[in-house]
Structure formats: structure tokens, C-alpha cells
N, C-alpha and C. Protein backbone atom coordinates (compact mmCIF):
# COMPACT_ATOMS: atom_id res chain seq x y z
N MET A 1 0.82 -1.37 -0.19
CA MET A 1 -0.22 -0.10 -0.17
C MET A 1 0.93 1.32 -0.03
N ASP A 2 0.56 2.25 -0.82
CA ASP A 2 1.32 3.34 -0.94
C ASP A 2 0.89 4.30 0.00
N ASN A 3 1.35 4.61 1.43
CA ASN A 3 1.22 5.89 2.02
C ASN A 3 2.05 6.65 1.98
N GLU A 4 1.55 7.91 0.91
CA GLU A 4 2.69 9.02 0.66
C GLU A 4 2.62 10.08 1.82
N ILE A 5 3.80 10.04 2.42
CA ILE A 5 3.49 11.30 3.49
C ILE A 5 3.88 12.53 2.82
N SER A 6 3.28 13.86 2.98
CA SER A 6 3.77 14.90 2.34
C SER A 6 4.31 16.03 3.23
N LEU A 7 4.50 15.55 4.42
CA LEU A 7 5.34 16.40 5.50
C LEU A 7 6.57 16.85 4.72
N LEU A 8 7.08 17.96 5.14
CA LEU A 8 8.26 18.56 4.87
C LEU A 8 9.13 18.99 5.98
N PRO A 9 10.34 19.03 6.16
CA PRO A 9 11.02 19.16 7.20
C PRO A 9 11.06 20.81 7.21
N ASN A 10 10.32 21.35 8.56
CA ASN A 10 10.86 22.62 8.76
C ASN A 10 11.65 23.44 8.29
N LYS A 11 11.88 24.74 7.68
CA LYS A 11 12.76 25.10 7.30
C LYS A 11 14.03 25.61 8.00
N ASP A 12 13.60 25.46 9.21
CA ASP A 12 14.59 25.70 10.33
C ASP A 12 15.51 24.36 10.54
N CYS A 13 15.03 23.42 9.95
CA CYS A 13 15.61 22.00 10.32
C CYS A 13 16.77 21.78 9.40
N ILE A 14 17.80 22.18 10.52
CA ILE A 14 19.04 22.27 9.40
C ILE A 14 20.34 21.54 9.95
N ASN A 15 20.12 20.91 10.90
CA ASN A 15 21.20 19.79 11.22
C ASN A 15 20.88 18.48 11.24
N ASN A 16 21.80 17.61 11.24
CA ASN A 16 21.57 16.14 10.92
C ASN A 16 20.84 15.52 12.05
N GLU A 17 20.41 15.86 13.02
CA GLU A 17 19.88 15.64 14.13
C GLU A 17 18.45 15.76 13.94
N ASP A 18 18.20 16.99 13.47
CA ASP A 18 16.87 16.98 13.30
C ASP A 18 16.44 16.65 11.98
N ALA A 19 17.12 16.31 11.23
CA ALA A 19 16.81 15.53 9.57
C ALA A 19 16.65 14.02 9.93
N LEU A 20 17.42 13.72 10.96
CA LEU A 20 17.25 11.94 11.17
C LEU A 20 16.17 11.81 11.89
N GLU A 21 15.75 12.83 12.79
CA GLU A 21 14.47 12.84 13.76
C GLU A 21 13.27 12.63 12.83
N PHE A 22 13.29 13.70 11.62
CA PHE A 22 12.24 13.76 11.03
C PHE A 22 12.09 12.48 9.79
N ARG A 23 13.19 12.05 9.31
CA ARG A 23 13.00 10.55 8.76
C ARG A 23 12.46 9.65 9.70
N ARG A 24 13.03 9.59 10.76
CA ARG A 24 12.27 8.62 11.73
C ARG A 24 10.59 8.74 11.79
N LEU A 25 10.23 10.10 12.05
CA LEU A 25 9.02 10.27 12.18
C LEU A 25 7.99 10.07 10.87
N LYS A 26 8.43 10.51 9.57
CA LYS A 26 7.89 10.16 8.52
C LYS A 26 7.96 8.64 8.17
N PHE A 27 8.75 7.81 8.46
CA PHE A 27 8.90 6.18 8.59
C PHE A 27 7.94 5.69 9.57
N ALA A 28 7.95 6.38 10.63
CA ALA A 28 6.68 5.51 11.57
C ALA A 28 5.59 5.89 11.44
N ILE A 29 5.20 7.00 10.78
CA ILE A 29 4.01 7.14 10.16
C ILE A 29 3.46 6.48 8.91
N SER A 30 4.58 6.12 7.92
CA SER A 30 3.97 5.51 7.02
C SER A 30 4.04 3.89 7.19
N SER A 31 4.67 3.76 8.31
CA SER A 31 4.48 2.02 8.55
C SER A 31 3.55 1.76 9.47
N SER A 32 2.93 2.85 9.92
CA SER A 32 1.87 2.39 11.17
C SER A 32 0.49 2.29 10.10
N GLU A 33 0.52 2.68 8.95
CA GLU A 33 -1.12 2.78 7.97
C GLU A 33 -1.92 3.40 8.80
N ASP A 34 -1.81 4.59 9.66
CA ASP A 34 -2.75 5.03 10.51
C ASP A 34 -3.23 6.42 9.81
N GLY A 35 -4.22 7.02 9.64
CA GLY A 35 -4.68 8.29 8.86
C GLY A 35 -4.09 9.49 9.94
N ILE A 36 -3.96 10.10 9.22
CA ILE A 36 -3.28 11.54 9.72
C ILE A 36 -4.02 12.79 9.51
N TRP A 37 -4.64 13.55 10.42
CA TRP A 37 -5.40 14.70 10.41
C TRP A 37 -4.67 15.77 10.68
N GLU A 38 -4.74 16.93 10.52
CA GLU A 38 -4.13 18.23 11.46
C GLU A 38 -4.75 19.31 11.16
N TYR A 39 -5.14 20.27 12.20
CA TYR A 39 -5.77 21.35 12.06
C TYR A 39 -5.13 22.60 12.84
N ASN A 40 -4.35 23.48 11.70
CA ASN A 40 -3.49 24.82 12.45
C ASN A 40 -4.37 25.90 12.57
N ILE A 41 -4.67 25.79 14.07
CA ILE A 41 -5.45 26.96 14.76
C ILE A 41 -4.89 28.24 14.44
N GLN A 42 -3.72 28.48 13.79
CA GLN A 42 -3.20 29.68 13.59
C GLN A 42 -3.76 30.48 12.37
N ASN A 43 -3.90 29.69 11.53
CA ASN A 43 -4.35 29.79 9.95
C ASN A 43 -5.68 29.08 9.50
N ASN A 44 -6.43 28.68 10.44
CA ASN A 44 -7.57 27.77 10.18
C ASN A 44 -7.50 27.24 9.05
N THR A 45 -6.31 26.13 8.84
CA THR A 45 -6.36 25.17 7.57
C THR A 45 -6.33 23.89 8.33
N THR A 46 -6.54 22.68 7.29
CA THR A 46 -6.47 21.63 7.93
C THR A 46 -5.88 20.92 6.90
N TYR A 47 -5.30 19.68 7.19
CA TYR A 47 -4.61 18.68 6.36
C TYR A 47 -4.92 17.02 6.84
N VAL A 48 -5.44 16.62 5.62
CA VAL A 48 -5.54 15.29 5.98
C VAL A 48 -4.93 14.28 5.05
N SER A 49 -4.51 13.24 5.54
CA SER A 49 -3.74 11.97 4.49
C SER A 49 -4.54 11.69 3.53
N LYS A 50 -4.09 10.79 2.63
CA LYS A 50 -4.87 10.26 1.82
C LYS A 50 -5.50 8.84 2.46
N ARG A 51 -4.63 8.17 3.31
CA ARG A 51 -4.93 7.13 4.35
C ARG A 51 -6.02 7.45 4.88
N TRP A 52 -6.00 8.68 5.87
CA TRP A 52 -7.25 8.93 6.44
C TRP A 52 -8.71 9.39 5.64
N LEU A 53 -8.38 9.47 4.54
CA LEU A 53 -9.59 9.63 3.43
C LEU A 53 -9.92 8.14 3.29
N GLU A 54 -8.92 7.28 2.84
CA GLU A 54 -9.50 5.81 2.62
C GLU A 54 -10.14 5.24 3.77
N ILE A 55 -9.68 5.54 5.18
CA ILE A 55 -10.21 4.71 6.20
C ILE A 55 -11.59 5.53 6.37
N ILE A 56 -12.07 6.38 6.07
CA ILE A 56 -13.33 7.24 6.17
C ILE A 56 -14.46 6.92 4.93
N GLY A 57 -13.47 6.40 3.97
CA GLY A 57 -14.28 5.95 2.56
C GLY A 57 -14.42 6.95 1.65
N TYR A 58 -13.58 8.07 1.66
CA TYR A 58 -13.53 9.09 0.82
C TYR A 58 -12.30 9.02 -0.33
N THR A 59 -12.38 9.77 -1.35
CA THR A 59 -11.44 9.95 -2.12
C THR A 59 -10.92 11.47 -1.99
N GLU A 60 -9.60 11.77 -2.71
CA GLU A 60 -9.23 13.25 -2.33
C GLU A 60 -10.54 14.34 -3.37
N ASN A 61 -10.92 13.54 -4.48
CA ASN A 61 -11.80 14.57 -4.76
C ASN A 61 -13.19 14.58 -4.38
N GLU A 62 -13.62 13.96 -3.40
CA GLU A 62 -14.85 13.99 -2.85
C GLU A 62 -14.88 14.52 -1.44
N TYR A 63 -13.57 14.84 -0.75
CA TYR A 63 -13.45 15.44 0.28
C TYR A 63 -12.62 16.66 0.03
N HIS A 64 -13.60 18.16 0.86
CA HIS A 64 -13.22 19.17 0.89
C HIS A 64 -12.43 19.58 2.03
N SER A 65 -11.12 19.70 2.32
CA SER A 65 -10.44 19.48 3.70
C SER A 65 -10.47 21.20 4.14
N SER A 66 -11.29 21.27 4.95
CA SER A 66 -11.55 22.27 5.74
C SER A 66 -11.82 22.04 7.24
N ILE A 67 -11.76 23.10 8.06
CA ILE A 67 -12.61 22.58 9.67
C ILE A 67 -14.02 22.85 9.75
N GLU A 68 -14.65 23.06 8.83
CA GLU A 68 -16.13 23.03 8.54
C GLU A 68 -16.47 21.75 8.01
N THR A 69 -15.85 20.96 7.44
CA THR A 69 -16.14 19.61 6.94
C THR A 69 -16.08 18.84 7.85
N TRP A 70 -14.78 18.89 8.34
CA TRP A 70 -14.31 18.12 9.68
C TRP A 70 -15.50 17.91 10.71
N LYS A 71 -15.99 19.29 11.27
CA LYS A 71 -16.95 19.19 12.18
C LYS A 71 -18.32 18.71 11.80
N ALA A 72 -18.66 18.70 10.53
CA ALA A 72 -19.93 18.37 9.75
C ALA A 72 -19.78 16.85 10.08
N MET A 73 -18.51 16.30 9.93
CA MET A 73 -18.81 14.51 9.99
C MET A 73 -18.48 14.28 11.94
N LEU A 74 -18.22 15.11 12.32
CA LEU A 74 -18.08 14.73 13.83
C LEU A 74 -19.27 14.39 14.74
N HIS A 75 -19.20 13.26 15.12
CA HIS A 75 -20.23 12.51 15.98
C HIS A 75 -20.90 13.49 17.32
N PRO A 76 -21.64 13.90 17.20
CA PRO A 76 -22.75 14.59 18.01
C PRO A 76 -21.88 14.33 19.52
N ASP A 77 -21.94 13.06 19.84
CA ASP A 77 -21.43 12.63 21.10
C ASP A 77 -20.22 13.06 21.18
N ASP A 78 -19.43 12.98 20.45
CA ASP A 78 -17.78 13.78 20.54
C ASP A 78 -17.65 14.99 20.57
N ALA A 79 -18.53 15.71 20.18
CA ALA A 79 -18.46 17.36 20.31
C ALA A 79 -18.44 17.94 21.51
N GLU A 80 -17.86 18.82 21.64
CA GLU A 80 -18.03 19.79 23.02
C GLU A 80 -18.70 21.17 22.76
N TYR A 81 -19.67 21.22 23.17
CA TYR A 81 -20.24 22.55 22.87
C TYR A 81 -19.99 23.79 24.10
């Protein structure tokens, strides 16, 4: 199964130790076959991995990545008001 991870090292990641840590994280995420989602509260953007979409039964063309879409899919018992 091809689990492409599109994470890129931070531009401040300039030493070998940081690069090695990044490669380890990328490998762990790829190997786990877990779906990854992220919400950046600072700029109100979301990221979901291809595997996350696969787990919930969507393709990239069917899912509009936004916090509003994510909230709409949230089960009411999991939401805090």
C-alpha cells in the first residue's frame, strides 16, 4: 500500500539530528498505516492524509479539506459545546 507522506522538514531543520528525527517520524507514520489529520489553529487550515480519507471512505476528489467539513462529520457525542 502506498502511503505517501507529504510532510516536509521545517525550514529551520538544518542539522543532521533534526533531519534524522524527521526521517524517523516519516517512517513511523508510513509504517503505521494510520490516517493523519491536522488542524492549524493559527491559520484555520486542515490537512488530511490519503490514508485518513481511505479509512473514512472518501477520495481526495470527494473531500473538501476544511475545519467546517471536519466538524460536519463529527459525531454529536464527540463534540463539546
